[in-house]
Amino acid sequence: MLTGRTHTAGVIGSPIRHSLSPVMFNAAFVAAGMDWAYLAFEVGEGKAVGAMEAMRTLGLEGVSVTMPHKGAVLPALDTVSEDAALLGAVNCVTRRGGSLHGDNTDGPGFLDALRIDEGIEIESHACVVVGAGGAGRAVARALAQAGARVTIVNRSAPAAERAALLAGNSARVGGFADLAEASLVVNATPLGMGLGSDPGGRLEPLPFDVTLLAPGQVVFDLVYHPAPTPLLVAATAQGLRSVPGVGMLVHQAAHAFRHWTGEEPPLVAMRLAASTVLSERGAG
């Protein structure tokens, strides 16, 4: 039951009604027995700074930030983590008294999905990240910081070069020919997102030619809907190990939970809540 003492958090974005965050966080708060509530706030483009001021005024404990506001909130924050500053993107804002602090939990969430869910350690391994947008940059940087050798493949060379620079000395720009040499291949593009086909019944294009992959590889698709994605269907058909993006979704939210509450998140409840909604959407 919500009371006058209930702590409030939420997510801002546009569009936002499809977000799985309210389902995950509210399930987590119930499982942890915490007097918290999490809501979705539709915030139009250009209004991110106003949303942060509203966070201060209303006393929200935490805010998740999604498109198109991950960069736009930066001027409204008092402090940001090193990763958020370098990536130019914030997906988690925490109120610390009267100050607002921004973090980017995508990279840590990705690594946790590999380590905790899949038991995969990537130190010294060759990894290819396909895509150099916000998610691709965060993943490439996290992999490099974890000791992997990272190759970034992207249609736009300047974007790939920026991602490699942010990742550090163990990262470089490459091409699709590098796929065959990697232990881990990550799709950080939006290709495959949605229903997987258009109204005409044609399949959504894959982010790369799966025949370029080699036996024994792990394919991680950051896209989590549909489940499985067209890429993971194709990878599984070739006998490769496939990892869906829902794990990263859960673990990046888990890091936000820690920032806001100071407690360990109930991961099982969060994953079950997210997976249930995704299953229902798939059935629909």
Protein backbone atom coordinates (compact mmCIF):
# COMPACT_ATOMS: atom_id res chain seq x y z
CA MET A 1 0.00 0.00 0.00
CA LEU A 2 1.32 3.42 -0.98
CA THR A 3 1.62 5.90 1.88
CA GLY A 4 2.91 9.38 2.54
CA ARG A 5 6.27 7.78 3.32
CA THR A 6 6.55 5.90 0.02
CA HIS A 7 9.81 6.56 -1.85
CA THR A 8 9.29 7.33 -5.53
CA ALA A 9 11.43 6.62 -8.59
CA GLY A 10 10.68 6.48 -12.29
CA VAL A 11 11.80 6.49 -15.90
CA ILE A 12 11.70 9.35 -18.41
CA GLY A 13 11.65 8.96 -22.17
CA SER A 14 9.59 9.33 -25.30
CA PRO A 15 7.90 7.06 -26.16
CA ILE A 16 7.87 5.37 -22.76
CA ARG A 17 4.65 3.37 -22.34
CA HIS A 18 6.33 0.21 -23.68
CA SER A 19 9.06 0.33 -21.02
CA LEU A 20 9.72 -2.78 -18.94
CA SER A 21 11.33 -0.72 -16.18
CA PRO A 22 8.16 -0.17 -14.08
CA VAL A 23 7.44 -3.91 -14.15
CA MET A 24 10.99 -4.84 -13.11
CA PHE A 25 11.46 -2.24 -10.41
CA ASN A 26 8.05 -2.60 -8.81
CA ALA A 27 8.52 -6.38 -8.72
CA ALA A 28 11.90 -5.79 -7.07
CA PHE A 29 10.47 -3.46 -4.44
CA VAL A 30 7.70 -5.92 -3.58
CA ALA A 31 10.15 -8.83 -3.36
CA ALA A 32 12.47 -6.79 -1.14
CA GLY A 33 9.60 -5.62 1.09
CA MET A 34 10.43 -1.97 0.40
CA ASP A 35 8.02 0.99 0.52
CA TRP A 36 8.93 2.23 -2.93
CA ALA A 37 7.00 2.86 -6.18
CA TYR A 38 8.28 3.31 -9.73
CA LEU A 39 6.41 5.13 -12.51
CA ALA A 40 6.87 5.91 -16.20
CA PHE A 41 6.89 9.58 -17.22
CA GLU A 42 6.40 10.61 -20.84
CA VAL A 43 8.86 13.48 -21.32
CA GLY A 44 9.07 14.99 -24.77
CA GLU A 45 12.28 15.88 -26.57
CA GLY A 46 13.81 19.11 -25.31
CA LYS A 47 12.31 18.79 -21.83
CA ALA A 48 14.98 16.68 -20.11
CA VAL A 49 16.41 19.55 -18.06
CA GLY A 50 12.91 20.42 -16.85
CA ALA A 51 12.38 16.79 -15.85
CA MET A 52 15.54 16.89 -13.73
CA GLU A 53 14.35 20.05 -12.00
CA ALA A 54 11.04 18.31 -11.32
CA MET A 55 13.02 15.42 -9.80
CA ARG A 56 14.61 17.86 -7.36
CA THR A 57 11.33 19.61 -6.58
CA LEU A 58 9.27 16.45 -6.07
CA GLY A 59 12.00 14.58 -4.21
CA LEU A 60 12.20 11.56 -6.49
CA GLU A 61 14.91 9.22 -5.24
CA GLY A 62 16.01 7.98 -8.64
CA VAL A 63 15.25 8.31 -12.33
CA SER A 64 16.09 5.98 -15.20
CA VAL A 65 16.80 7.85 -18.43
CA THR A 66 16.10 6.47 -21.87
CA MET A 67 15.86 7.86 -25.41
CA PRO A 68 16.01 10.67 -26.37
CA HIS A 69 17.32 12.12 -23.10
CA LYS A 70 20.53 10.23 -22.22
CA GLY A 71 22.73 13.10 -23.34
CA ALA A 72 20.29 15.92 -22.77
CA VAL A 73 20.13 15.46 -18.98
CA LEU A 74 23.86 16.11 -18.51
CA PRO A 75 23.69 19.92 -18.11
CA ALA A 76 21.11 19.53 -15.33
CA LEU A 77 23.23 17.24 -13.14
CA ASP A 78 25.60 18.23 -10.36
CA THR A 79 28.01 15.31 -10.76
CA VAL A 80 28.44 12.40 -13.19
CA SER A 81 30.51 9.23 -13.18
CA GLU A 82 33.60 8.93 -15.37
CA ASP A 83 31.88 6.50 -17.73
CA ALA A 84 28.82 8.73 -18.13
CA ALA A 85 31.00 11.77 -18.81
CA LEU A 86 33.18 10.02 -21.40
CA LEU A 87 30.25 8.33 -23.12
CA GLY A 88 28.18 11.51 -23.03
CA ALA A 89 25.21 9.46 -21.88
CA VAL A 90 23.39 8.99 -18.57
CA ASN A 91 20.80 6.27 -17.97
CA CYS A 92 20.58 6.48 -14.16
CA VAL A 93 20.16 9.58 -11.98
CA THR A 94 20.39 9.36 -8.18
CA ARG A 95 19.32 12.09 -5.75
CA ARG A 96 21.92 12.66 -3.05
CA GLY A 97 20.36 15.17 -0.70
CA GLY A 98 19.87 18.24 -2.85
CA SER A 99 22.24 17.09 -5.60
CA LEU A 100 21.70 14.90 -8.65
CA HIS A 101 24.33 12.36 -9.73
CA GLY A 102 24.38 10.66 -13.14
CA ASP A 103 25.71 7.21 -14.03
CA ASN A 104 25.78 4.95 -17.05
CA THR A 105 24.99 1.37 -15.98
CA ASP A 106 24.87 -0.18 -19.47
CA GLY A 107 28.46 -1.41 -19.45
CA PRO A 108 28.39 -2.93 -15.95
CA GLY A 109 24.98 -4.45 -16.71
CA PHE A 110 26.35 -6.06 -19.87
CA LEU A 111 29.34 -7.56 -18.05
CA ASP A 112 27.10 -8.88 -15.27
CA ALA A 113 24.86 -10.56 -17.82
CA LEU A 114 27.93 -12.34 -19.20
CA ARG A 115 29.48 -13.28 -15.87
CA ILE A 116 26.50 -13.93 -13.61
CA ASP A 117 23.97 -15.32 -16.08
CA GLU A 118 26.27 -17.07 -18.55
CA GLY A 119 29.44 -17.75 -16.54
CA ILE A 120 31.55 -16.11 -19.24
CA GLU A 121 34.81 -14.30 -18.47
CA ILE A 122 36.22 -12.39 -21.43
CA GLU A 123 39.63 -11.24 -20.19
CA SER A 124 42.22 -11.58 -23.00
CA HIS A 125 39.54 -12.79 -25.43
CA ALA A 126 38.86 -11.25 -28.83
CA CYS A 127 35.44 -9.58 -29.01
CA VAL A 128 33.65 -7.88 -31.88
CA VAL A 129 31.02 -5.23 -31.24
CA VAL A 130 28.79 -4.50 -34.23
CA GLY A 131 27.37 -1.00 -33.89
CA ALA A 132 28.88 2.18 -32.46
CA GLY A 133 25.86 4.00 -31.07
CA GLY A 134 25.34 4.69 -27.38
CA ALA A 135 24.92 1.04 -26.42
CA GLY A 136 27.81 -0.06 -28.62
CA ARG A 137 30.15 2.52 -27.09
CA ALA A 138 29.19 1.49 -23.56
CA VAL A 139 29.66 -2.21 -24.29
CA ALA A 140 32.97 -1.73 -26.11
CA ARG A 141 34.34 0.35 -23.22
CA ALA A 142 33.18 -2.21 -20.63
CA LEU A 143 34.74 -5.09 -22.56
CA ALA A 144 38.05 -3.25 -22.90
CA GLN A 145 38.08 -2.36 -19.20
CA ALA A 146 37.49 -6.05 -18.42
CA GLY A 147 40.62 -6.97 -20.34
CA ALA A 148 39.19 -8.03 -23.70
CA ARG A 149 40.62 -7.19 -27.10
CA VAL A 150 37.83 -5.28 -28.82
CA THR A 151 37.12 -4.72 -32.51
CA ILE A 152 34.35 -2.31 -33.47
CA VAL A 153 32.48 -2.76 -36.73
CA ASN A 154 30.18 0.00 -37.91
CA ARG A 155 28.92 1.45 -41.19
CA SER A 156 30.12 4.93 -40.19
CA ALA A 157 33.89 4.97 -39.77
CA PRO A 158 33.97 8.17 -37.65
CA ALA A 159 31.49 6.66 -35.17
CA ALA A 160 33.54 3.46 -34.97
CA GLU A 161 36.72 5.46 -34.41
CA ARG A 162 35.06 7.43 -31.60
CA ALA A 163 33.91 4.20 -29.94
CA ALA A 164 37.41 2.72 -30.20
CA LEU A 165 38.94 5.87 -28.71
CA LEU A 166 36.54 5.73 -25.75
CA ALA A 167 37.27 2.03 -25.21
CA GLY A 168 41.03 2.55 -24.94
CA ASN A 169 44.23 1.07 -26.30
CA SER A 170 42.91 -2.51 -26.53
CA ALA A 171 40.21 -1.47 -29.04
CA ARG A 172 40.41 -0.90 -32.76
CA VAL A 173 38.17 -0.40 -35.79
CA GLY A 174 37.69 -3.44 -38.01
CA GLY A 175 35.41 -5.04 -40.55
CA PHE A 176 33.05 -7.99 -40.87
CA ALA A 177 35.98 -10.26 -41.73
CA ASP A 178 37.00 -9.97 -38.05
CA LEU A 179 33.86 -11.81 -36.94
CA ALA A 180 35.39 -15.23 -37.54
CA GLU A 181 38.28 -14.57 -35.12
CA ALA A 182 36.20 -13.47 -32.14
CA SER A 183 35.21 -15.48 -29.07
CA LEU A 184 32.28 -13.13 -28.47
CA VAL A 185 30.22 -11.24 -31.06
CA VAL A 186 27.85 -8.52 -29.84
CA ASN A 187 25.04 -6.98 -31.85
CA ALA A 188 24.69 -3.40 -30.60
CA THR A 189 22.53 -2.25 -33.50
CA PRO A 190 18.71 -2.02 -33.37
CA LEU A 191 18.31 -4.45 -36.28
CA GLY A 192 15.93 -7.21 -35.27
CA MET A 193 13.98 -5.07 -32.83
CA GLY A 194 10.20 -5.36 -32.99
CA LEU A 195 8.21 -8.10 -34.61
CA GLY A 196 10.98 -9.42 -36.80
CA SER A 197 9.15 -8.88 -40.09
CA ASP A 198 7.31 -6.14 -41.90
CA PRO A 199 3.61 -6.32 -42.95
CA GLY A 200 4.68 -7.89 -46.22
CA GLY A 201 6.16 -10.85 -44.38
CA ARG A 202 9.78 -10.17 -45.27
CA LEU A 203 12.29 -10.97 -42.54
CA GLU A 204 14.01 -8.17 -40.69
CA PRO A 205 17.57 -7.85 -42.08
CA LEU A 206 20.31 -9.29 -39.90
CA PRO A 207 23.08 -7.00 -38.62
CA PHE A 208 25.67 -9.18 -40.35
CA ASP A 209 26.03 -12.36 -42.41
CA VAL A 210 25.92 -15.23 -39.88
CA THR A 211 27.89 -17.47 -42.26
CA LEU A 212 30.92 -15.38 -41.29
CA LEU A 213 30.72 -16.77 -37.75
CA ALA A 214 32.82 -19.70 -36.54
CA PRO A 215 32.12 -22.73 -34.33
CA GLY A 216 32.40 -22.22 -30.59
CA GLN A 217 31.51 -18.55 -30.64
CA VAL A 218 29.08 -16.74 -28.34
CA VAL A 219 26.60 -14.34 -29.96
CA PHE A 220 25.07 -11.70 -27.66
CA ASP A 221 22.17 -9.67 -29.06
CA LEU A 222 21.41 -6.50 -27.06
CA VAL A 223 17.95 -6.49 -28.65
CA TYR A 224 15.56 -8.32 -26.31
CA HIS A 225 12.28 -8.25 -28.26
CA PRO A 226 11.25 -10.44 -29.98
CA ALA A 227 12.65 -13.37 -28.05
CA PRO A 228 14.54 -14.92 -29.69
CA THR A 229 15.60 -12.29 -32.19
CA PRO A 230 16.20 -13.19 -35.87
CA LEU A 231 19.96 -13.02 -35.23
CA LEU A 232 19.82 -15.47 -32.32
CA VAL A 233 17.60 -17.82 -34.29
CA ALA A 234 20.17 -17.85 -37.09
CA ALA A 235 23.11 -18.25 -34.67
CA THR A 236 21.44 -21.13 -32.84
CA ALA A 237 20.75 -22.84 -36.15
CA GLN A 238 24.51 -22.83 -36.73
CA GLY A 239 25.14 -24.43 -33.35
CA LEU A 240 26.45 -21.27 -31.70
CA ARG A 241 25.77 -20.18 -28.13
CA SER A 242 23.16 -17.41 -28.12
CA VAL A 243 22.61 -14.84 -25.36
CA PRO A 244 19.48 -12.61 -25.38
CA GLY A 245 19.52 -8.95 -24.35
CA VAL A 246 17.05 -9.30 -21.46
CA GLY A 247 19.95 -10.17 -19.15
CA MET A 248 21.65 -6.84 -19.77
CA LEU A 249 18.31 -5.08 -19.31
CA VAL A 250 17.86 -6.68 -15.89
CA HIS A 251 21.42 -6.14 -14.70
CA GLN A 252 21.68 -2.48 -15.74
CA ALA A 253 18.46 -1.93 -13.76
CA ALA A 254 19.96 -3.86 -10.85
CA HIS A 255 22.83 -1.39 -10.71
CA ALA A 256 20.32 1.47 -10.56
CA PHE A 257 18.54 -0.32 -7.70
CA ARG A 258 21.82 -0.41 -5.77
CA HIS A 259 22.53 3.27 -6.43
CA TRP A 260 19.09 4.36 -5.21
CA THR A 261 18.45 2.04 -2.28
CA GLY A 262 21.89 0.91 -1.11
CA GLU A 263 20.55 -2.66 -1.08
CA GLU A 264 21.20 -5.73 -3.21
CA PRO A 265 18.47 -6.22 -5.83
CA PRO A 266 16.27 -9.35 -6.02
CA LEU A 267 17.49 -10.42 -9.45
CA VAL A 268 15.21 -13.45 -9.74
CA ALA A 269 12.09 -11.33 -9.25
CA MET A 270 13.29 -8.72 -11.74
CA ARG A 271 14.12 -11.27 -14.42
CA LEU A 272 10.84 -13.12 -13.93
CA ALA A 273 8.84 -9.90 -14.23
CA ALA A 274 10.63 -8.83 -17.42
CA SER A 275 10.48 -12.29 -19.01
CA THR A 276 6.76 -12.64 -18.24
CA VAL A 277 5.91 -9.38 -19.98
CA LEU A 278 8.10 -10.21 -22.97
CA SER A 279 6.43 -13.61 -23.24
CA GLU A 280 2.99 -12.00 -23.16
CA ARG A 281 3.98 -9.50 -25.84
CA GLY A 282 5.32 -12.29 -27.99
CA ALA A 283 2.09 -14.25 -27.61
CA GLY A 284 0.11 -11.17 -28.51
